[in-house]
Each structure stands twice: as structure tokens, then as C-alpha cells.
Amino acid sequence: MPQTAPEARRFSVHARHLDRHHARIVAEPSFEAAALAYAEDFHPLIDGDDQISLIVRDLDDGHERCFRLDVWSGETEPCS
């Protein structure tokens, strides 16, 4: 039986060092995918480690997470 793709959810994403009015709405299946899509589409400023901290908020339930994203590998980890 073929697998179906996870349903996309709407997220608000902005770089941690920017105000929320710089947020963009993206539709992705997960918090991590939303962070990566934001970085790919909007090219936020990165720090000296080629990483950026992104705040991702689920627009349906308001749950929010922070991720450090490596812009070269696309790997994410929770903010410290």
C-alpha cells in the first residue's frame, strides 16, 4: 500500500534575533521542515558558525519551538 505524505500544517517562522513582524507563514508537515523552508526561502542572516536560531509557531495550536539550523547541512537542533 502506498504511503501518503504527511499533511501540511501552517507555521509562523522568524529568526530569533528579529521581531515577530518579520515572520513568514509556511505550510510544512513538521516544525523542523518549517524552519528549513523559511531559511531556504528567506535567507535570514546567519551567525559566524553558519547557523541561525529560528522561532517556529504552529498557527493551529500556538505551540512554539526554537531551533538552531545549520545552513549548510540543513540539520536542526533545539535552541539552548
N, C-alpha and C. Protein backbone atom coordinates (compact mmCIF):
# COMPACT_ATOMS: atom_id res chain seq x y z
N MET A 1 0.84 -1.17 0.00
CA MET A 1 0.00 0.00 0.00
C MET A 1 0.90 1.24 0.00
N PRO A 2 0.65 2.20 -0.89
CA PRO A 2 1.50 3.40 -0.96
C PRO A 2 1.30 4.28 0.27
N GLN A 3 2.39 4.90 0.70
CA GLN A 3 2.32 5.81 1.84
C GLN A 3 1.94 7.20 1.35
N THR A 4 1.12 7.87 2.13
CA THR A 4 0.75 9.23 1.78
C THR A 4 1.65 10.20 2.54
N ALA A 5 1.87 11.34 1.95
CA ALA A 5 2.70 12.36 2.58
C ALA A 5 1.97 12.93 3.78
N PRO A 6 2.72 13.29 4.83
CA PRO A 6 2.07 13.92 6.00
C PRO A 6 1.38 15.21 5.58
N GLU A 7 0.28 15.48 6.22
CA GLU A 7 -0.49 16.69 5.92
C GLU A 7 0.28 17.94 6.35
N ALA A 8 0.30 18.93 5.49
CA ALA A 8 0.99 20.18 5.80
C ALA A 8 0.19 20.97 6.83
N ARG A 9 0.91 21.60 7.74
CA ARG A 9 0.33 22.49 8.75
C ARG A 9 0.90 23.87 8.51
N ARG A 10 0.21 24.88 9.01
CA ARG A 10 0.68 26.26 8.84
C ARG A 10 1.48 26.68 10.07
N PHE A 11 2.66 27.22 9.80
CA PHE A 11 3.56 27.69 10.85
C PHE A 11 3.95 29.14 10.58
N SER A 12 4.17 29.87 11.65
CA SER A 12 4.77 31.19 11.59
C SER A 12 6.23 31.02 12.00
N VAL A 13 7.16 31.52 11.19
CA VAL A 13 8.59 31.34 11.46
C VAL A 13 9.30 32.68 11.35
N HIS A 14 10.18 32.95 12.31
CA HIS A 14 11.02 34.14 12.23
C HIS A 14 12.36 33.86 12.91
N ALA A 15 13.36 34.59 12.48
CA ALA A 15 14.67 34.47 13.10
C ALA A 15 14.58 35.01 14.52
N ARG A 16 15.25 34.32 15.44
CA ARG A 16 15.17 34.67 16.86
C ARG A 16 15.61 36.11 17.12
N HIS A 17 16.57 36.60 16.37
CA HIS A 17 17.07 37.96 16.60
C HIS A 17 16.21 39.04 15.96
N LEU A 18 15.15 38.66 15.25
CA LEU A 18 14.24 39.62 14.62
C LEU A 18 12.90 39.63 15.33
N ASP A 19 12.19 40.73 15.24
CA ASP A 19 10.85 40.83 15.82
C ASP A 19 9.87 39.95 15.05
N ARG A 20 8.74 39.65 15.70
CA ARG A 20 7.73 38.80 15.08
C ARG A 20 7.16 39.39 13.79
N HIS A 21 7.22 40.70 13.61
CA HIS A 21 6.64 41.26 12.39
C HIS A 21 7.47 40.87 11.16
N HIS A 22 8.64 40.25 11.35
CA HIS A 22 9.43 39.72 10.25
C HIS A 22 9.09 38.26 9.95
N ALA A 23 8.10 37.72 10.64
CA ALA A 23 7.73 36.31 10.47
C ALA A 23 7.11 36.07 9.10
N ARG A 24 7.25 34.84 8.64
CA ARG A 24 6.63 34.39 7.40
C ARG A 24 5.78 33.17 7.72
N ILE A 25 4.71 32.99 6.98
CA ILE A 25 3.85 31.82 7.12
C ILE A 25 4.31 30.77 6.11
N VAL A 26 4.55 29.55 6.59
CA VAL A 26 4.93 28.45 5.70
C VAL A 26 4.04 27.25 6.01
N ALA A 27 3.78 26.44 5.01
CA ALA A 27 2.99 25.22 5.17
C ALA A 27 3.91 24.03 4.99
N GLU A 28 4.12 23.28 6.07
CA GLU A 28 5.02 22.13 6.09
C GLU A 28 4.47 21.07 7.03
N PRO A 29 4.95 19.84 6.94
CA PRO A 29 4.44 18.77 7.80
C PRO A 29 4.99 18.78 9.24
N SER A 30 6.07 19.51 9.52
CA SER A 30 6.67 19.48 10.85
C SER A 30 7.33 20.82 11.19
N PHE A 31 7.61 21.00 12.47
CA PHE A 31 8.32 22.20 12.92
C PHE A 31 9.68 22.31 12.22
N GLU A 32 10.41 21.19 12.16
CA GLU A 32 11.73 21.19 11.56
C GLU A 32 11.68 21.55 10.08
N ALA A 33 10.72 20.99 9.36
CA ALA A 33 10.56 21.29 7.94
C ALA A 33 10.20 22.75 7.73
N ALA A 34 9.41 23.32 8.63
CA ALA A 34 9.04 24.73 8.53
C ALA A 34 10.27 25.62 8.72
N ALA A 35 11.14 25.27 9.68
CA ALA A 35 12.36 26.03 9.90
C ALA A 35 13.25 26.00 8.66
N LEU A 36 13.41 24.84 8.07
CA LEU A 36 14.24 24.70 6.88
C LEU A 36 13.65 25.46 5.70
N ALA A 37 12.34 25.37 5.50
CA ALA A 37 11.68 26.07 4.40
C ALA A 37 11.86 27.59 4.53
N TYR A 38 11.73 28.10 5.75
CA TYR A 38 11.94 29.53 5.99
C TYR A 38 13.36 29.93 5.59
N ALA A 39 14.33 29.17 6.06
CA ALA A 39 15.73 29.51 5.77
C ALA A 39 16.03 29.43 4.27
N GLU A 40 15.46 28.46 3.59
CA GLU A 40 15.69 28.32 2.15
C GLU A 40 15.05 29.45 1.36
N ASP A 41 13.85 29.85 1.76
CA ASP A 41 13.11 30.86 1.00
C ASP A 41 13.48 32.30 1.34
N PHE A 42 13.84 32.58 2.59
CA PHE A 42 14.00 33.96 3.02
C PHE A 42 15.42 34.33 3.41
N HIS A 43 16.34 33.40 3.43
CA HIS A 43 17.77 33.65 3.66
C HIS A 43 18.04 34.63 4.79
N PRO A 44 17.63 34.28 6.02
CA PRO A 44 17.90 35.19 7.14
C PRO A 44 19.40 35.27 7.42
N LEU A 45 19.80 36.32 8.11
CA LEU A 45 21.21 36.49 8.47
C LEU A 45 21.65 35.35 9.37
N ILE A 46 22.88 34.87 9.15
CA ILE A 46 23.41 33.79 9.95
C ILE A 46 24.54 34.31 10.82
N ASP A 47 24.89 33.53 11.85
CA ASP A 47 26.00 33.94 12.71
C ASP A 47 27.32 33.39 12.17
N GLY A 48 28.39 33.57 12.88
CA GLY A 48 29.71 33.15 12.44
C GLY A 48 29.88 31.65 12.34
N ASP A 49 28.95 30.87 12.91
CA ASP A 49 29.02 29.40 12.85
C ASP A 49 28.17 28.84 11.71
N ASP A 50 27.71 29.69 10.80
CA ASP A 50 26.81 29.28 9.72
C ASP A 50 25.55 28.62 10.27
N GLN A 51 25.07 29.14 11.39
CA GLN A 51 23.84 28.68 11.99
C GLN A 51 22.94 29.87 12.28
N ILE A 52 21.66 29.58 12.41
CA ILE A 52 20.69 30.61 12.78
C ILE A 52 19.68 30.01 13.73
N SER A 53 19.21 30.81 14.66
CA SER A 53 18.15 30.38 15.57
C SER A 53 16.82 30.87 15.02
N LEU A 54 15.88 29.95 14.91
CA LEU A 54 14.56 30.26 14.36
C LEU A 54 13.47 29.89 15.35
N ILE A 55 12.48 30.76 15.49
CA ILE A 55 11.31 30.50 16.30
C ILE A 55 10.20 30.03 15.36
N VAL A 56 9.64 28.86 15.64
CA VAL A 56 8.60 28.26 14.80
C VAL A 56 7.35 28.08 15.67
N ARG A 57 6.22 28.66 15.23
CA ARG A 57 4.97 28.56 15.99
C ARG A 57 3.89 27.94 15.13
N ASP A 58 3.25 26.89 15.65
CA ASP A 58 2.13 26.24 14.97
C ASP A 58 0.93 27.18 15.06
N LEU A 59 0.37 27.57 13.94
CA LEU A 59 -0.73 28.53 13.94
C LEU A 59 -2.05 27.94 14.42
N ASP A 60 -2.17 26.60 14.42
CA ASP A 60 -3.41 25.99 14.88
C ASP A 60 -3.48 25.90 16.40
N ASP A 61 -2.39 25.48 17.04
CA ASP A 61 -2.45 25.29 18.49
C ASP A 61 -1.58 26.25 19.29
N GLY A 62 -0.78 27.10 18.61
CA GLY A 62 0.05 28.08 19.29
C GLY A 62 1.34 27.53 19.88
N HIS A 63 1.57 26.22 19.76
CA HIS A 63 2.79 25.62 20.30
C HIS A 63 3.99 26.21 19.57
N GLU A 64 5.04 26.53 20.32
CA GLU A 64 6.20 27.20 19.76
C GLU A 64 7.48 26.45 20.11
N ARG A 65 8.39 26.39 19.17
CA ARG A 65 9.70 25.77 19.38
C ARG A 65 10.78 26.66 18.80
N CYS A 66 11.98 26.53 19.35
CA CYS A 66 13.14 27.25 18.85
C CYS A 66 14.15 26.23 18.33
N PHE A 67 14.71 26.50 17.15
CA PHE A 67 15.69 25.60 16.55
C PHE A 67 16.94 26.35 16.15
N ARG A 68 18.10 25.70 16.29
CA ARG A 68 19.35 26.16 15.67
C ARG A 68 19.45 25.37 14.38
N LEU A 69 19.58 26.06 13.28
CA LEU A 69 19.63 25.44 11.97
C LEU A 69 21.01 25.65 11.36
N ASP A 70 21.66 24.56 10.96
CA ASP A 70 22.92 24.64 10.23
C ASP A 70 22.56 24.87 8.77
N VAL A 71 22.96 26.03 8.22
CA VAL A 71 22.52 26.40 6.88
C VAL A 71 23.15 25.55 5.78
N TRP A 72 24.25 24.89 6.06
CA TRP A 72 24.89 24.06 5.03
C TRP A 72 24.36 22.64 5.02
N SER A 73 24.12 22.05 6.19
CA SER A 73 23.66 20.67 6.23
C SER A 73 22.15 20.55 6.32
N GLY A 74 21.49 21.60 6.80
CA GLY A 74 20.04 21.54 6.99
C GLY A 74 19.64 20.86 8.29
N GLU A 75 20.62 20.47 9.10
CA GLU A 75 20.32 19.82 10.37
C GLU A 75 19.80 20.84 11.38
N THR A 76 18.84 20.39 12.18
CA THR A 76 18.28 21.25 13.22
C THR A 76 18.52 20.61 14.59
N GLU A 77 18.59 21.47 15.59
CA GLU A 77 18.65 21.02 16.99
C GLU A 77 17.94 22.07 17.82
N PRO A 78 17.40 21.67 18.96
CA PRO A 78 16.71 22.65 19.81
C PRO A 78 17.67 23.74 20.27
N CYS A 79 17.16 24.95 20.43
CA CYS A 79 17.97 26.05 20.97
C CYS A 79 18.33 25.73 22.41
N SER A 80 19.48 26.23 22.84
CA SER A 80 19.88 26.00 24.24
C SER A 80 19.42 27.14 25.11
